[in-house]
């Protein structure tokens, strides 16, 4: 189903539910799945519209949501559904992850308070929400069993260990996987497990957390979701705060059911390990195979979690080959980020420009370096062809979402980053002073602006080099588009 068909179906469903026509259908930023999300608004009502190509996944989400909503648990209400589309409550645009982006180098008290609310609600949803739940609608499985664990183990083995050249003994590694799985299967697994419980799937509305994207939920152990939250790679929660949140979770959970704290914690670190294994497999596939820079940036954080586990727990005592393979990767430092001190103290300045092919053409390099990279964005689907975007630029949220959802821009930029990164590292090592990177599109307003901003942000974050950002056409117009 193409975008126009999806939007038409959602508009019809919205009008049937709200009793009014839509005044806005806005695509939302893409997720890591095939689901497509829109914000729909009328004069009085709003909703999030979802296109879910897999009907089994849609059925799981809707069934879970209605069950949890009846129990007054913090999930969105489902308003209406039709073939592969449904409407759910609009919880706003603020995720827990957006708070993490603002925290800087320390973990503030207000963020600890939010996390405490999150783990409180998590305990209620897992324990109370799991009571009376119809697990037959789970997709793809009713429980997090040994087969599910081995899906994660093999994903990790072939998408992370293998391309990382860890040189593992496959038979010994499989023995370790069996040992870990058998250990984890001895834990109480009679509650609801959300499966992908991390900050991007937690909305914060009016100071209260709400949970989304639990369509992969199933019966499992309480420890898994808590491990997913507290050891989310880029959240980088300090160890003392993790311990404080673990204790707070157990205080709440013990009010809902009897729990042996020592036994819970013994299994807990095993689930931390299997979650780290799962995310490294995902980061390997998305980052090493699909070459998506965002996922590559998360690998060092996940490896630091692994190193912490080895140094502070006994979980690796009976997993010698897994321990050896991971220690090899950590020791080789192949995923450690570039030394930003080296970059920021280098002589290099990178000038990044956006320009219009239709107007003044490729900008001249005035540095004396003789020019640099020129990337043509004109093949990318152009939001400027559509009336709602004509007065906007590549810095506006609506245009950014359009480029992410309805164009190949992110795929294009992944390749750009790989090319430019190699040049930047080479220029830093050779003490070169200037590099110019140009992005052109038809009018120098949408695609080239977004691409130039993304590269400038990427180079600043990864290398710390000096950046000059020049949007030729937009700066001439003082960013006013008639």
Protein backbone atom coordinates (compact mmCIF):
# COMPACT_ATOMS: atom_id res chain seq x y z
CA UNK A 1 0.00 0.00 0.00
CA UNK A 2 1.49 3.35 -1.00
CA UNK A 3 1.47 6.56 1.07
CA UNK A 4 -1.56 8.06 -0.67
CA UNK A 5 -3.63 4.91 -0.08
CA UNK A 6 -2.58 4.72 3.58
CA UNK A 7 -3.46 8.38 4.17
CA UNK A 8 -6.84 7.96 2.45
CA UNK A 9 -7.74 4.94 4.60
CA UNK A 10 -6.67 6.72 7.78
CA UNK A 11 -8.64 9.84 6.84
CA UNK A 12 -11.80 7.77 6.32
CA UNK A 13 -11.27 5.94 9.63
CA UNK A 14 -10.65 9.24 11.44
CA UNK A 15 -13.84 10.81 10.09
CA UNK A 16 -15.88 7.75 11.11
CA UNK A 17 -14.43 7.87 14.63
CA UNK A 18 -14.26 11.64 15.23
CA UNK A 19 -17.38 12.72 13.34
CA UNK A 20 -15.30 15.38 11.58
CA UNK A 21 -12.92 15.54 8.64
CA UNK A 22 -9.15 15.75 9.03
CA UNK A 23 -7.52 19.16 8.74
CA UNK A 24 -4.01 17.71 8.96
CA UNK A 25 -2.37 14.38 8.14
CA UNK A 26 1.29 14.60 9.08
CA UNK A 27 3.73 11.70 8.60
CA UNK A 28 5.77 11.05 11.73
CA UNK A 29 9.43 10.12 11.84
CA UNK A 30 9.99 6.49 10.84
CA UNK A 31 10.59 3.77 13.43
CA UNK A 32 12.82 0.74 13.12
CA UNK A 33 9.93 -1.38 11.80
CA UNK A 34 7.68 -1.50 8.73
CA UNK A 35 4.90 0.31 10.58
CA UNK A 36 4.09 3.84 9.37
CA UNK A 37 2.77 6.52 11.74
CA UNK A 38 0.80 9.72 11.12
CA UNK A 39 -0.64 12.43 13.30
CA UNK A 40 -4.24 13.19 12.26
CA UNK A 41 -6.07 16.28 13.45
CA UNK A 42 -9.55 17.67 13.00
CA UNK A 43 -11.07 20.83 14.44
CA UNK A 44 -11.61 19.21 17.86
CA UNK A 45 -9.90 15.82 17.95
CA UNK A 46 -6.53 14.29 17.17
CA UNK A 47 -5.17 10.76 16.95
CA UNK A 48 -2.13 8.80 15.88
CA UNK A 49 -2.83 6.76 12.78
CA UNK A 50 -0.85 3.58 12.18
CA UNK A 51 -0.38 1.43 9.12
CA UNK A 52 0.70 -2.09 10.18
CA UNK A 53 1.38 -4.35 7.18
CA UNK A 54 1.38 -7.50 9.33
CA UNK A 55 -2.15 -8.19 10.54
CA UNK A 56 -0.92 -10.56 13.30
CA UNK A 57 1.24 -7.81 14.75
CA UNK A 58 -1.65 -5.35 14.54
CA UNK A 59 -3.96 -7.80 16.29
CA UNK A 60 -1.43 -8.32 19.10
CA UNK A 61 -1.06 -4.58 19.70
CA UNK A 62 -4.78 -3.89 19.68
CA UNK A 63 -5.62 -6.85 21.91
CA UNK A 64 -2.91 -5.93 24.44
CA UNK A 65 -3.86 -2.24 24.40
CA UNK A 66 -7.53 -2.86 25.10
CA UNK A 67 -6.70 -5.28 27.91
CA UNK A 68 -4.23 -2.86 29.53
CA UNK A 69 -6.52 0.14 29.06
CA UNK A 70 -9.35 -1.66 30.86
CA UNK A 71 -6.96 -2.12 33.79
CA UNK A 72 -6.11 1.63 33.69
CA UNK A 73 -2.49 0.96 32.85
CA UNK A 74 -0.40 3.64 31.06
CA UNK A 75 -0.91 2.74 27.40
CA UNK A 76 -2.64 4.56 24.52
CA UNK A 77 -6.32 3.91 23.97
CA UNK A 78 -7.20 2.33 20.62
CA UNK A 79 -10.02 4.33 19.04
CA UNK A 80 -10.80 2.47 15.82
CA UNK A 81 -9.37 -0.15 13.48
CA UNK A 82 -9.73 -1.37 9.93
CA UNK A 83 -7.74 -3.59 7.60
CA UNK A 84 -4.05 -2.87 8.40
CA UNK A 85 -4.76 0.59 9.83
CA UNK A 86 -5.85 1.80 13.26
CA UNK A 87 -6.18 4.95 15.33
CA UNK A 88 -4.75 5.33 18.82
CA UNK A 89 -4.56 8.04 21.43
CA UNK A 90 -2.20 10.93 20.67
CA UNK A 91 0.28 11.06 23.57
CA UNK A 92 2.21 14.02 22.18
CA UNK A 93 5.76 14.12 20.89
CA UNK A 94 7.92 13.90 24.04
CA UNK A 95 9.71 10.60 24.65
CA UNK A 96 11.91 9.63 27.57
CA UNK A 97 14.74 9.52 25.03
CA UNK A 98 14.28 13.24 24.36
CA UNK A 99 15.02 13.87 28.05
CA UNK A 100 18.19 11.79 27.75
CA UNK A 101 19.35 13.94 24.85
CA UNK A 102 19.15 17.01 27.10
CA UNK A 103 20.91 15.57 30.16
CA UNK A 104 24.52 16.38 29.20
CA UNK A 105 27.34 14.60 31.02
CA UNK A 106 25.54 13.97 34.30
CA UNK A 107 22.27 12.31 35.29
CA UNK A 108 20.06 14.99 36.91
CA UNK A 109 17.70 14.39 39.82
CA UNK A 110 14.59 15.21 37.78
CA UNK A 111 15.50 12.43 35.34
CA UNK A 112 15.92 9.95 38.19
CA UNK A 113 12.40 10.90 39.33
CA UNK A 114 11.00 10.21 35.85
CA UNK A 115 12.77 6.84 35.71
CA UNK A 116 11.33 5.95 39.11
CA UNK A 117 7.84 6.58 37.77
CA UNK A 118 8.68 4.45 34.73
CA UNK A 119 9.85 1.43 36.75
CA UNK A 120 6.82 1.74 39.03
CA UNK A 121 4.45 1.62 36.06
CA UNK A 122 6.50 -1.16 34.47
CA UNK A 123 6.00 -3.40 37.51
CA UNK A 124 2.25 -2.78 37.42
CA UNK A 125 1.94 -3.46 33.70
CA UNK A 126 4.02 -6.65 33.84
CA UNK A 127 2.30 -8.13 36.90
CA UNK A 128 -1.23 -6.71 36.89
CA UNK A 129 -1.41 -6.39 33.11
CA UNK A 130 -0.30 -9.97 32.64
CA UNK A 131 -3.23 -11.26 34.68
CA UNK A 132 -6.03 -12.47 32.42
CA UNK A 133 -4.14 -11.52 29.24
CA UNK A 134 -4.89 -13.57 26.13
CA UNK A 135 -1.40 -14.78 25.23
CA UNK A 136 -2.65 -16.67 22.18
CA UNK A 137 -2.58 -13.40 20.23
CA UNK A 138 1.17 -12.91 20.84
CA UNK A 139 3.36 -12.49 17.77
CA UNK A 140 5.60 -14.22 16.87
CA UNK A 141 5.52 -16.47 20.00
CA UNK A 142 3.53 -16.76 23.21
CA UNK A 143 6.60 -16.89 25.45
CA UNK A 144 10.27 -15.96 25.55
CA UNK A 145 11.43 -19.56 25.34
CA UNK A 146 14.69 -21.26 24.36
CA UNK A 147 13.95 -20.94 20.65
CA UNK A 148 13.41 -17.19 21.08
CA UNK A 149 16.72 -16.92 22.93
CA UNK A 150 18.56 -18.77 20.17
CA UNK A 151 17.08 -16.46 17.55
CA UNK A 152 18.82 -13.64 19.45
CA UNK A 153 22.03 -15.65 19.95
CA UNK A 154 22.35 -16.47 16.26
CA UNK A 155 21.52 -12.92 15.20
CA UNK A 156 24.34 -11.76 17.47
CA UNK A 157 26.74 -14.45 16.27
CA UNK A 158 26.32 -13.86 12.53
CA UNK A 159 25.64 -10.11 12.46
CA UNK A 160 28.05 -8.94 15.14
CA UNK A 161 30.68 -11.49 16.17
CA UNK A 162 31.37 -12.72 12.63
CA UNK A 163 31.90 -9.29 10.97
CA UNK A 164 33.85 -8.16 14.05
CA UNK A 165 36.36 -10.99 13.33
CA UNK A 166 36.23 -12.28 16.89
CA UNK A 167 37.50 -15.69 15.73
CA UNK A 168 35.21 -17.77 17.94
CA UNK A 169 34.99 -21.54 18.31
CA UNK A 170 31.45 -22.19 17.09
CA UNK A 171 30.86 -25.41 19.06
CA UNK A 172 32.18 -23.88 22.29
CA UNK A 173 30.11 -20.75 21.72
CA UNK A 174 26.95 -22.78 21.19
CA UNK A 175 27.65 -24.63 24.45
CA UNK A 176 27.83 -21.26 26.20
CA UNK A 177 24.57 -20.16 24.61
CA UNK A 178 22.88 -23.35 25.83
CA UNK A 179 24.30 -22.81 29.32
CA UNK A 180 23.00 -19.24 29.45
CA UNK A 181 19.57 -20.17 28.04
CA UNK A 182 19.11 -23.05 30.48
CA UNK A 183 20.02 -20.74 33.37
CA UNK A 184 17.54 -18.06 32.29
CA UNK A 185 14.74 -20.56 31.74
CA UNK A 186 14.86 -21.40 35.47
CA UNK A 187 13.55 -17.89 36.27
CA UNK A 188 9.85 -17.23 36.87
CA UNK A 189 8.49 -16.44 33.41
CA UNK A 190 4.78 -16.07 34.15
CA UNK A 191 4.33 -12.33 33.54
CA UNK A 192 4.01 -9.98 30.59
CA UNK A 193 7.28 -9.05 28.91
CA UNK A 194 7.15 -5.97 26.65
CA UNK A 195 10.31 -7.17 24.83
CA UNK A 196 11.60 -3.79 23.53
CA UNK A 197 11.27 -1.64 26.62
CA UNK A 198 13.56 1.34 26.08
CA UNK A 199 13.37 5.12 26.22
CA UNK A 200 12.18 5.68 22.64
CA UNK A 201 9.09 3.59 23.43
CA UNK A 202 8.17 5.58 26.53
CA UNK A 203 6.16 8.78 26.06
CA UNK A 204 6.00 11.47 28.74
CA UNK A 205 2.75 13.42 28.82
CA UNK A 206 1.96 15.95 31.56
CA UNK A 207 4.84 14.52 33.58
CA UNK A 208 3.57 10.93 33.45
CA UNK A 209 5.05 8.00 31.48
CA UNK A 210 3.07 6.00 28.92
CA UNK A 211 4.24 2.89 27.10
CA UNK A 212 3.98 2.24 23.35
CA UNK A 213 5.20 -0.33 20.80
CA UNK A 214 4.70 -3.52 22.80
CA UNK A 215 3.23 -5.53 19.92
CA UNK A 216 6.13 -8.01 20.28
CA UNK A 217 5.21 -8.66 23.91
CA UNK A 218 4.82 -12.18 25.29
CA UNK A 219 4.97 -14.18 28.50
CA UNK A 220 8.39 -13.93 30.12
CA UNK A 221 10.51 -12.97 33.11
CA UNK A 222 10.16 -9.63 34.88
CA UNK A 223 13.91 -9.04 34.72
CA UNK A 224 14.13 -8.72 30.92
CA UNK A 225 12.28 -5.41 30.52
CA UNK A 226 14.03 -3.85 33.49
CA UNK A 227 17.39 -4.87 32.01
CA UNK A 228 16.34 -3.40 28.63
CA UNK A 229 15.52 -0.07 30.25
CA UNK A 230 18.43 0.31 32.67
CA UNK A 231 21.10 -1.00 30.30
CA UNK A 232 19.91 0.77 27.15
CA UNK A 233 23.23 1.46 25.46
CA UNK A 234 23.14 5.20 24.77
CA UNK A 235 21.14 6.03 27.90
CA UNK A 236 24.45 5.53 29.72
CA UNK A 237 22.83 5.44 33.19
CA UNK A 238 25.48 5.58 35.96
CA UNK A 239 25.88 2.32 37.94
CA UNK A 240 24.75 3.81 41.27
CA UNK A 241 21.54 5.13 39.69
CA UNK A 242 20.92 1.77 38.02
CA UNK A 243 21.19 0.15 41.44
CA UNK A 244 18.84 2.73 42.96
CA UNK A 245 16.25 2.12 40.22
CA UNK A 246 16.58 -1.66 40.52
CA UNK A 247 15.87 -1.41 44.27
CA UNK A 248 12.94 0.93 43.66
CA UNK A 249 11.45 -1.46 41.10
CA UNK A 250 11.72 -4.36 43.54
CA UNK A 251 10.07 -2.33 46.31
CA UNK A 252 7.07 -1.73 44.04
CA UNK A 253 6.96 -5.26 42.59
CA UNK A 254 7.01 -6.77 46.10
CA UNK A 255 3.83 -4.88 46.86
CA UNK A 256 2.17 -6.75 43.97
CA UNK A 257 3.56 -10.26 44.46
CA UNK A 258 6.06 -12.15 46.67
CA UNK A 259 9.61 -11.78 45.31
CA UNK A 260 12.89 -13.24 46.58
CA UNK A 261 15.19 -10.28 45.97
CA UNK A 262 18.43 -12.30 45.98
CA UNK A 263 17.08 -14.80 43.46
CA UNK A 264 15.64 -12.01 41.32
CA UNK A 265 19.00 -10.21 41.15
CA UNK A 266 20.90 -13.42 40.37
CA UNK A 267 18.76 -13.95 37.27
CA UNK A 268 18.63 -10.21 36.52
CA UNK A 269 22.26 -9.97 35.39
CA UNK A 270 21.75 -12.96 33.10
CA UNK A 271 18.91 -11.08 31.43
CA UNK A 272 21.11 -7.97 31.20
CA UNK A 273 23.61 -10.09 29.27
CA UNK A 274 21.09 -11.58 26.86
CA UNK A 275 19.63 -8.12 26.22
CA UNK A 276 23.13 -6.79 25.47
CA UNK A 277 23.61 -9.73 23.09
CA UNK A 278 20.29 -8.95 21.39
CA UNK A 279 21.06 -5.26 20.85
CA UNK A 280 24.60 -5.96 19.61
CA UNK A 281 23.07 -8.27 17.00
CA UNK A 282 20.67 -5.49 15.98
CA UNK A 283 23.43 -2.86 15.94
CA UNK A 284 25.59 -5.19 13.87
CA UNK A 285 22.91 -5.77 11.28
CA UNK A 286 21.82 -2.13 11.06
CA UNK A 287 25.30 -0.66 11.40
CA UNK A 288 27.77 -3.12 9.88
CA UNK A 289 25.54 -4.54 7.12
CA UNK A 290 23.16 -1.67 6.38
CA UNK A 291 25.87 0.92 7.19
CA UNK A 292 23.62 3.13 9.29
CA UNK A 293 25.84 5.44 11.33
CA UNK A 294 23.35 5.85 14.19
CA UNK A 295 23.64 2.17 15.11
CA UNK A 296 27.42 2.09 14.84
CA UNK A 297 27.58 4.91 17.40
CA UNK A 298 25.68 2.77 19.92
CA UNK A 299 28.07 -0.21 19.79
CA UNK A 300 30.74 1.23 22.15
CA UNK A 301 28.09 1.93 24.81
CA UNK A 302 26.78 -1.65 24.59
CA UNK A 303 30.32 -3.03 24.87
CA UNK A 304 30.91 -0.91 27.97
CA UNK A 305 27.85 -2.53 29.53
CA UNK A 306 29.38 -5.94 28.71
CA UNK A 307 32.67 -4.92 30.31
CA UNK A 308 30.87 -3.70 33.43
CA UNK A 309 29.04 -7.04 33.71
CA UNK A 310 32.31 -8.96 33.50
CA UNK A 311 33.98 -6.80 36.14
CA UNK A 312 31.10 -6.63 38.65
CA UNK A 313 29.13 -9.89 38.29
CA UNK A 314 29.79 -13.62 38.00
CA UNK A 315 27.60 -14.08 34.93
CA UNK A 316 30.53 -14.97 32.64
CA UNK A 317 32.00 -17.62 34.99
CA UNK A 318 30.47 -20.49 33.01
CA UNK A 319 30.56 -18.83 29.57
CA UNK A 320 34.28 -18.97 28.65
CA UNK A 321 34.03 -18.78 24.85
CA UNK A 322 31.49 -15.96 24.85
CA UNK A 323 33.68 -14.09 27.35
CA UNK A 324 36.80 -14.64 25.22
CA UNK A 325 35.12 -13.46 21.99
CA UNK A 326 33.70 -10.31 23.57
CA UNK A 327 36.95 -9.50 25.36
CA UNK A 328 38.81 -9.78 22.05
CA UNK A 329 36.51 -7.19 20.48
CA UNK A 330 36.78 -4.86 23.47
CA UNK A 331 40.60 -5.19 23.58
CA UNK A 332 40.95 -4.46 19.85
CA UNK A 333 39.00 -1.20 20.31
CA UNK A 334 37.63 -1.43 16.78
CA UNK A 335 34.38 0.25 17.80
CA UNK A 336 35.81 2.94 20.03
CA UNK A 337 34.88 6.41 18.77
CA UNK A 338 37.42 8.66 17.07
CA UNK A 339 39.53 10.74 19.45
CA UNK A 340 37.67 14.07 19.37
CA UNK A 341 40.56 15.83 21.11
CA UNK A 342 42.71 14.87 18.15
CA UNK A 343 40.05 16.17 15.78
CA UNK A 344 39.30 19.40 17.60
CA UNK A 345 43.01 20.26 17.96
CA UNK A 346 43.78 19.50 14.31
CA UNK A 347 44.33 22.14 11.63
CA UNK A 348 41.35 20.98 9.60
CA UNK A 349 38.29 23.13 8.85
CA UNK A 350 35.45 21.53 6.88
CA UNK A 351 33.19 23.85 4.93
CA UNK A 352 29.76 22.34 4.24
CA UNK A 353 27.45 24.14 1.82
CA UNK A 354 24.00 23.80 0.33
CA UNK A 355 23.39 25.38 -3.06
CA UNK A 356 21.03 25.56 -6.04
CA UNK A 357 22.01 24.06 -9.39
CA UNK A 358 19.31 26.22 -11.00
CA UNK A 359 20.73 29.50 -9.71
CA UNK A 360 24.43 30.09 -9.02
CA UNK A 361 25.60 26.48 -9.26
CA UNK A 362 28.48 24.81 -7.43
CA UNK A 363 30.15 27.22 -4.98
CA UNK A 364 33.80 28.09 -5.47
CA UNK A 365 36.39 26.89 -2.98
CA UNK A 366 38.12 30.07 -1.79
CA UNK A 367 40.50 28.22 0.55
CA UNK A 368 43.04 27.44 -2.14
CA UNK A 369 42.46 23.72 -1.78
CA UNK A 370 41.00 23.52 -5.27
CA UNK A 371 37.57 22.15 -4.40
CA UNK A 372 36.16 19.09 -2.69
CA UNK A 373 33.16 16.79 -2.74
CA UNK A 374 29.98 17.70 -4.62
CA UNK A 375 26.88 15.60 -3.93
CA UNK A 376 23.83 15.93 -6.16
CA UNK A 377 20.55 15.60 -4.21
CA UNK A 378 18.27 16.15 -7.21
CA UNK A 379 17.47 12.44 -7.61
CA UNK A 380 15.93 12.39 -4.11
CA UNK A 381 12.15 12.80 -3.84
CA UNK A 382 11.55 16.55 -3.60
CA UNK A 383 9.16 17.90 -0.93
CA UNK A 384 9.26 21.24 -2.74
CA UNK A 385 6.93 19.78 -5.37
CA UNK A 386 4.08 19.76 -2.84
CA UNK A 387 2.21 22.87 -1.75
CA UNK A 388 2.41 22.35 2.07
CA UNK A 389 6.21 22.32 1.89
CA UNK A 390 6.92 25.11 -0.58
CA UNK A 391 7.49 27.81 2.03
CA UNK A 392 9.39 25.50 4.35
CA UNK A 393 13.05 24.46 4.34
CA UNK A 394 15.14 21.41 5.14
CA UNK A 395 15.23 22.57 8.75
CA UNK A 396 11.46 22.32 9.31
CA UNK A 397 10.10 19.23 11.07
CA UNK A 398 7.54 18.53 8.36
CA UNK A 399 10.21 18.50 5.64
CA UNK A 400 12.59 16.41 7.74
CA UNK A 401 9.86 13.81 8.31
CA UNK A 402 8.99 13.83 4.59
CA UNK A 403 12.63 13.18 3.64
CA UNK A 404 12.95 10.39 6.20
CA UNK A 405 9.68 8.70 5.33
CA UNK A 406 9.15 9.39 1.64
CA UNK A 407 12.64 9.57 0.16
CA UNK A 408 15.99 7.75 0.04
CA UNK A 409 17.73 10.61 1.88
CA UNK A 410 18.90 8.61 4.91
CA UNK A 411 20.28 5.84 2.67
CA UNK A 412 22.07 8.48 0.58
CA UNK A 413 23.55 10.16 3.66
CA UNK A 414 24.85 6.86 5.02
CA UNK A 415 27.00 6.58 1.89
CA UNK A 416 28.02 10.24 2.10
CA UNK A 417 29.18 9.81 5.71
CA UNK A 418 31.31 6.78 4.79
CA UNK A 419 33.03 8.69 1.96
CA UNK A 420 33.57 11.95 3.82
CA UNK A 421 34.64 10.27 7.08
CA UNK A 422 37.53 8.57 5.33
CA UNK A 423 38.69 11.88 3.84
CA UNK A 424 38.37 13.72 7.18
CA UNK A 425 40.45 11.11 9.04
CA UNK A 426 43.07 11.17 6.33
CA UNK A 427 43.22 14.98 6.31
CA UNK A 428 43.53 15.11 10.11
CA UNK A 429 46.44 12.64 10.04
CA UNK A 430 48.18 14.60 7.24
CA UNK A 431 47.59 18.02 8.89
CA UNK A 432 45.58 19.35 5.94
CA UNK A 433 43.76 22.60 6.64
CA UNK A 434 40.68 22.62 4.41
CA UNK A 435 38.01 20.33 3.01
CA UNK A 436 34.86 21.49 1.20
CA UNK A 437 31.69 19.41 0.87
CA UNK A 438 28.80 20.71 -1.26
CA UNK A 439 25.21 19.51 -1.50
CA UNK A 440 23.13 20.73 -4.41
CA UNK A 441 19.46 20.46 -5.26
CA UNK A 442 17.13 22.33 -7.60
CA UNK A 443 16.40 25.34 -5.41
CA UNK A 444 18.85 25.00 -2.52
CA UNK A 445 15.97 25.01 -0.04
CA UNK A 446 14.92 21.54 1.06
CA UNK A 447 17.06 18.49 0.25
CA UNK A 448 20.48 20.16 0.12
CA UNK A 449 19.80 22.15 3.31
CA UNK A 450 18.85 19.04 5.24
CA UNK A 451 21.81 17.05 3.88
CA UNK A 452 24.31 19.81 4.71
CA UNK A 453 22.94 20.18 8.25
CA UNK A 454 23.12 16.43 8.82
CA UNK A 455 26.71 16.16 7.65
CA UNK A 456 27.79 19.16 9.74
CA UNK A 457 26.16 17.63 12.82
CA UNK A 458 27.72 14.23 12.10
CA UNK A 459 31.26 15.62 11.68
CA UNK A 460 30.96 17.79 14.79
CA UNK A 461 29.74 14.90 16.92
CA UNK A 462 32.20 12.32 15.58
CA UNK A 463 35.38 14.33 15.06
CA UNK A 464 35.03 17.70 16.77
CA UNK A 465 36.65 19.44 13.78
CA UNK A 466 35.95 23.08 12.96
CA UNK A 467 32.89 23.42 10.71
CA UNK A 468 31.77 26.30 8.49
CA UNK A 469 28.15 25.79 7.43
CA UNK A 470 27.01 27.89 4.47
CA UNK A 471 23.47 27.66 3.05
CA UNK A 472 24.00 29.76 -0.07
CA UNK A 473 20.42 30.31 -1.28
CA UNK A 474 18.71 30.36 2.10
CA UNK A 475 21.15 32.86 3.56
CA UNK A 476 20.67 35.14 0.54
CA UNK A 477 16.91 35.05 1.21
CA UNK A 478 17.38 35.39 4.98
CA UNK A 479 15.45 32.08 5.19
CA UNK A 480 12.27 33.75 3.91
CA UNK A 481 10.46 31.70 1.27
CA UNK A 482 7.63 33.38 -0.56
